[in-house]
C-alpha atoms as a PDB file:
ATOM      1  CA  MET A   1      89.816 125.282  84.404  1.00  0.00           C
ATOM      2  CA  LYS A   2      93.100 123.314  84.072  1.00  0.00           C
ATOM      3  CA  THR A   3      94.833 121.612  86.153  1.00  0.00           C
ATOM      4  CA  VAL A   4      98.291 120.531  86.345  1.00  0.00           C
ATOM      5  CA  VAL A   5      99.672 116.685  86.070  1.00  0.00           C
ATOM      6  CA  ASN A   6     102.707 115.611  87.057  1.00  0.00           C
ATOM      7  CA  LEU A   7     103.321 113.247  83.878  1.00  0.00           C
ATOM      8  CA  THR A   8     106.458 111.698  85.754  1.00  0.00           C
ATOM      9  CA  GLU A   9     104.786 110.393  87.988  1.00  0.00           C
ATOM     10  CA  LYS A  10     102.413 108.200  86.357  1.00  0.00           C
ATOM     11  CA  SER A  11     105.163 106.947  83.654  1.00  0.00           C
ATOM     12  CA  VAL A  12     107.534 106.166  86.724  1.00  0.00           C
ATOM     13  CA  ILE A  13     104.631 103.826  88.040  1.00  0.00           C
ATOM     14  CA  ARG A  14     103.758 102.184  84.925  1.00  0.00           C
ATOM     15  CA  ASP A  15     107.725 101.576  84.418  1.00  0.00           C
ATOM     16  CA  ILE A  16     108.386  99.984  88.318  1.00  0.00           C
ATOM     17  CA  GLU A  17     105.598  97.279  87.434  1.00  0.00           C
ATOM     18  CA  LYS A  18     107.425  96.480  84.212  1.00  0.00           C
ATOM     19  CA  VAL A  19     110.388  96.519  86.336  1.00  0.00           C
ATOM     20  CA  LEU A  20     108.865  94.612  89.274  1.00  0.00           C
ATOM     21  CA  ASP A  21     107.149  91.463  86.655  1.00  0.00           C
ATOM     22  CA  ASN A  22     110.737  90.565  85.983  1.00  0.00           C
ATOM     23  CA  TYR A  23     111.284  89.749  90.054  1.00  0.00           C
ATOM     24  CA  SER A  24     110.344  86.580  91.707  1.00  0.00           C
ATOM     25  CA  TYR A  25     106.714  87.141  93.328  1.00  0.00           C
ATOM     26  CA  TYR A  26     108.737  86.870  97.134  1.00  0.00           C
ATOM     27  CA  PRO A  27     109.817  88.658  98.130  1.00  0.00           C
ATOM     28  CA  TYR A  28     110.449  91.666  96.069  1.00  0.00           C
ATOM     29  CA  ARG A  29     106.480  91.769  94.441  1.00  0.00           C
ATOM     30  CA  GLN A  30     105.518  90.379  97.560  1.00  0.00           C
ATOM     31  CA  ALA A  31     106.915  93.444  99.705  1.00  0.00           C
ATOM     32  CA  PHE A  32     106.140  96.138  96.873  1.00  0.00           C
ATOM     33  CA  ALA A  33     102.529  95.417  97.025  1.00  0.00           C
ATOM     34  CA  ILE A  34     102.782  96.616 100.134  1.00  0.00           C
ATOM     35  CA  PRO A  35     101.777 100.413  99.628  1.00  0.00           C
ATOM     36  CA  ASP A  36     103.954 102.297 102.280  1.00  0.00           C
ATOM     37  CA  LEU A  37     106.706 100.792 100.463  1.00  0.00           C
ATOM     38  CA  ARG A  38     105.784 101.330  96.633  1.00  0.00           C
ATOM     39  CA  GLN A  39     105.238 104.319  97.505  1.00  0.00           C
ATOM     40  CA  GLU A  40     109.223 105.046  99.272  1.00  0.00           C
ATOM     41  CA  LEU A  41     110.505 102.816  95.421  1.00  0.00           C
ATOM     42  CA  ILE A  42     107.981 106.222  93.826  1.00  0.00           C
ATOM     43  CA  ALA A  43     109.509 108.388  95.901  1.00  0.00           C
ATOM     44  CA  TYR A  44     113.604 107.425  95.206  1.00  0.00           C
ATOM     45  CA  VAL A  45     113.125 107.755  91.348  1.00  0.00           C
ATOM     46  CA  LEU A  46     111.293 110.647  91.525  1.00  0.00           C
ATOM     47  CA  SER A  47     113.546 112.300  93.460  1.00  0.00           C
ATOM     48  CA  ARG A  48     116.475 111.578  90.817  1.00  0.00           C
ATOM     49  CA  ILE A  49     114.918 112.213  87.524  1.00  0.00           C
ATOM     50  CA  PRO A  50     113.508 115.641  86.264  1.00  0.00           C
ATOM     51  CA  CYS A  51     109.732 116.092  86.011  1.00  0.00           C
ATOM     52  CA  LEU A  52     108.039 117.150  83.538  1.00  0.00           C
ATOM     53  CA  TYR A  53     104.477 119.101  84.407  1.00  0.00           C
ATOM     54  CA  SER A  54     101.320 119.519  82.091  1.00  0.00           C
ATOM     55  CA  ALA A  55      98.008 121.929  82.284  1.00  0.00           C
ATOM     56  CA  VAL A  56      95.076 119.594  81.673  1.00  0.00           C
ATOM     57  CA  GLU A  57      91.837 120.630  81.564  1.00  0.00           C
ATOM     58  CA  HIS A  58      90.362 119.257  84.988  1.00  0.00           C
ATOM     59  CA  GLU A  59      87.965 116.550  83.951  1.00  0.00           C
ATOM     60  CA  LYS A  60      91.316 114.802  82.410  1.00  0.00           C
ATOM     61  CA  ALA A  61      93.426 115.072  84.967  1.00  0.00           C
ATOM     62  CA  TYR A  62      92.275 111.922  86.678  1.00  0.00           C
ATOM     63  CA  SER A  63      92.521 109.937  83.501  1.00  0.00           C
ATOM     64  CA  HIS A  64      95.232 107.675  81.540  1.00  0.00           C
ATOM     65  CA  SER A  65      94.800 109.704  78.339  1.00  0.00           C
ATOM     66  CA  TYR A  66      97.779 111.445  78.789  1.00  0.00           C
ATOM     67  CA  GLU A  67     101.556 110.185  78.555  1.00  0.00           C
ATOM     68  CA  LEU A  68     105.193 111.975  78.545  1.00  0.00           C
ATOM     69  CA  PRO A  69     106.367 111.713  74.907  1.00  0.00           C
ATOM     70  CA  ARG A  70     108.025 108.616  74.312  1.00  0.00           C
ATOM     71  CA  GLN A  71     112.244 108.838  75.735  1.00  0.00           C
ATOM     72  CA  PRO A  72     115.311 108.088  74.077  1.00  0.00           C
ATOM     73  CA  LEU A  73     116.805 104.666  75.063  1.00  0.00           C
ATOM     74  CA  GLU A  74     119.932 106.044  76.883  1.00  0.00           C
ATOM     75  CA  GLN A  75     117.032 107.286  78.872  1.00  0.00           C
ATOM     76  CA  GLN A  76     114.837 104.440  79.857  1.00  0.00           C
ATOM     77  CA  LEU A  77     117.693 102.662  80.714  1.00  0.00           C
ATOM     78  CA  HIS A  78     119.046 105.468  83.208  1.00  0.00           C
ATOM     79  CA  LEU A  79     114.972 104.968  84.412  1.00  0.00           C
ATOM     80  CA  GLU A  80     115.348 100.921  84.309  1.00  0.00           C
ATOM     81  CA  ASN A  81     118.601 100.690  86.178  1.00  0.00           C
ATOM     82  CA  LEU A  82     117.213 104.034  88.739  1.00  0.00           C
ATOM     83  CA  ILE A  83     114.557 101.490  89.371  1.00  0.00           C
ATOM     84  CA  HIS A  84     116.448  98.429  90.272  1.00  0.00           C
ATOM     85  CA  GLN A  85     118.504 100.424  92.849  1.00  0.00           C
ATOM     86  CA  GLY A  86     115.659 101.255  94.719  1.00  0.00           C
ATOM     87  CA  ILE A  87     114.527  98.021  94.428  1.00  0.00           C
ATOM     88  CA  LEU A  88     117.584  97.139  95.952  1.00  0.00           C
ATOM     89  CA  PHE A  89     117.925  99.825  98.740  1.00  0.00           C
ATOM     90  CA  ILE A  90     114.841  99.262 100.003  1.00  0.00           C
ATOM     91  CA  MET A  91     115.125  95.675  99.894  1.00  0.00           C
ATOM     92  CA  GLN A  92     118.445  95.838 101.720  1.00  0.00           C
ATOM     93  CA  GLU A  93     117.590  98.980 104.576  1.00  0.00           C
ATOM     94  CA  LYS A  94     114.258  97.789 105.821  1.00  0.00           C
ATOM     95  CA  SER A  95     115.001  93.835 105.397  1.00  0.00           C
ATOM     96  CA  ASP A  96     113.855  93.235 108.904  1.00  0.00           C
ATOM     97  CA  TRP A  97     110.455  95.070 108.762  1.00  0.00           C
ATOM     98  CA  ILE A  98     109.469  93.988 105.173  1.00  0.00           C
ATOM     99  CA  ARG A  99     110.413  90.099 106.799  1.00  0.00           C
ATOM    100  CA  ARG A 100     108.265  90.353 109.811  1.00  0.00           C
ATOM    101  CA  HIS A 101     105.822  91.902 107.455  1.00  0.00           C
ATOM    102  CA  ILE A 102     105.278  89.329 104.468  1.00  0.00           C
ATOM    103  CA  CYS A 103     105.572  86.546 107.616  1.00  0.00           C
ATOM    104  CA  GLU A 104     102.598  87.937 109.061  1.00  0.00           C
ATOM    105  CA  THR A 105     100.557  88.042 106.145  1.00  0.00           C
ATOM    106  CA  LEU A 106     101.275  84.413 105.294  1.00  0.00           C
ATOM    107  CA  ASN A 107     100.990  83.199 108.752  1.00  0.00           C
ATOM    108  CA  VAL A 108      97.629  84.408 109.602  1.00  0.00           C
ATOM    109  CA  GLY A 109      96.100  81.926 107.453  1.00  0.00           C
ATOM    110  CA  CYS A 110      98.229  78.787 108.600  1.00  0.00           C
ATOM    111  CA  GLU A 111      97.167  78.838 112.510  1.00  0.00           C
ATOM    112  CA  ALA A 112      94.753  75.749 113.450  1.00  0.00           C
ATOM    113  CA  SER A 113      91.499  76.199 113.428  1.00  0.00           C
ATOM    114  CA  HIS A 114      89.441  76.345 116.836  1.00  0.00           C
ATOM    115  CA  TRP A 115      86.118  76.325 115.507  1.00  0.00           C
ATOM    116  CA  PHE A 116      86.334  72.336 115.189  1.00  0.00           C
ATOM    117  CA  GLY A 117      87.057  72.340 119.766  1.00  0.00           C
END
C-alpha cells in the first residue's frame, strides 16, 4: 500500500532550520522554537510555493529516506528569501505576543525561592 507524502514540506522544514541557524538566539530562534510560530512559518512559506508530492510505500512514509530533487540556485534563493520574509512578517505581526511569551519563559526560573523560608 502506498501513502502520499508532501516532499516540499520536508524540504521547507529543513531549509527553515538552516536559515534560522543564521539568526540570533534571542529573539528569533527562541521565538520559532515555539511550535505554533514554527508551524505558522512553515505554512507561510508553503502557501507561496508549489508543492511536490510522491507516493511511497507506507512503511517509508515517515522515514527521512526520500527528498526533493536538488533545486536550481534561483529556486533555492527564492525559497530562502521567502523564509526570511516569513520570519520578519511573523515577528512584526506577533511582536507583543512573542515578547510576553519569551519573557514569561525567561522569568520562570528567576523568582526567589521560598524553600528557605
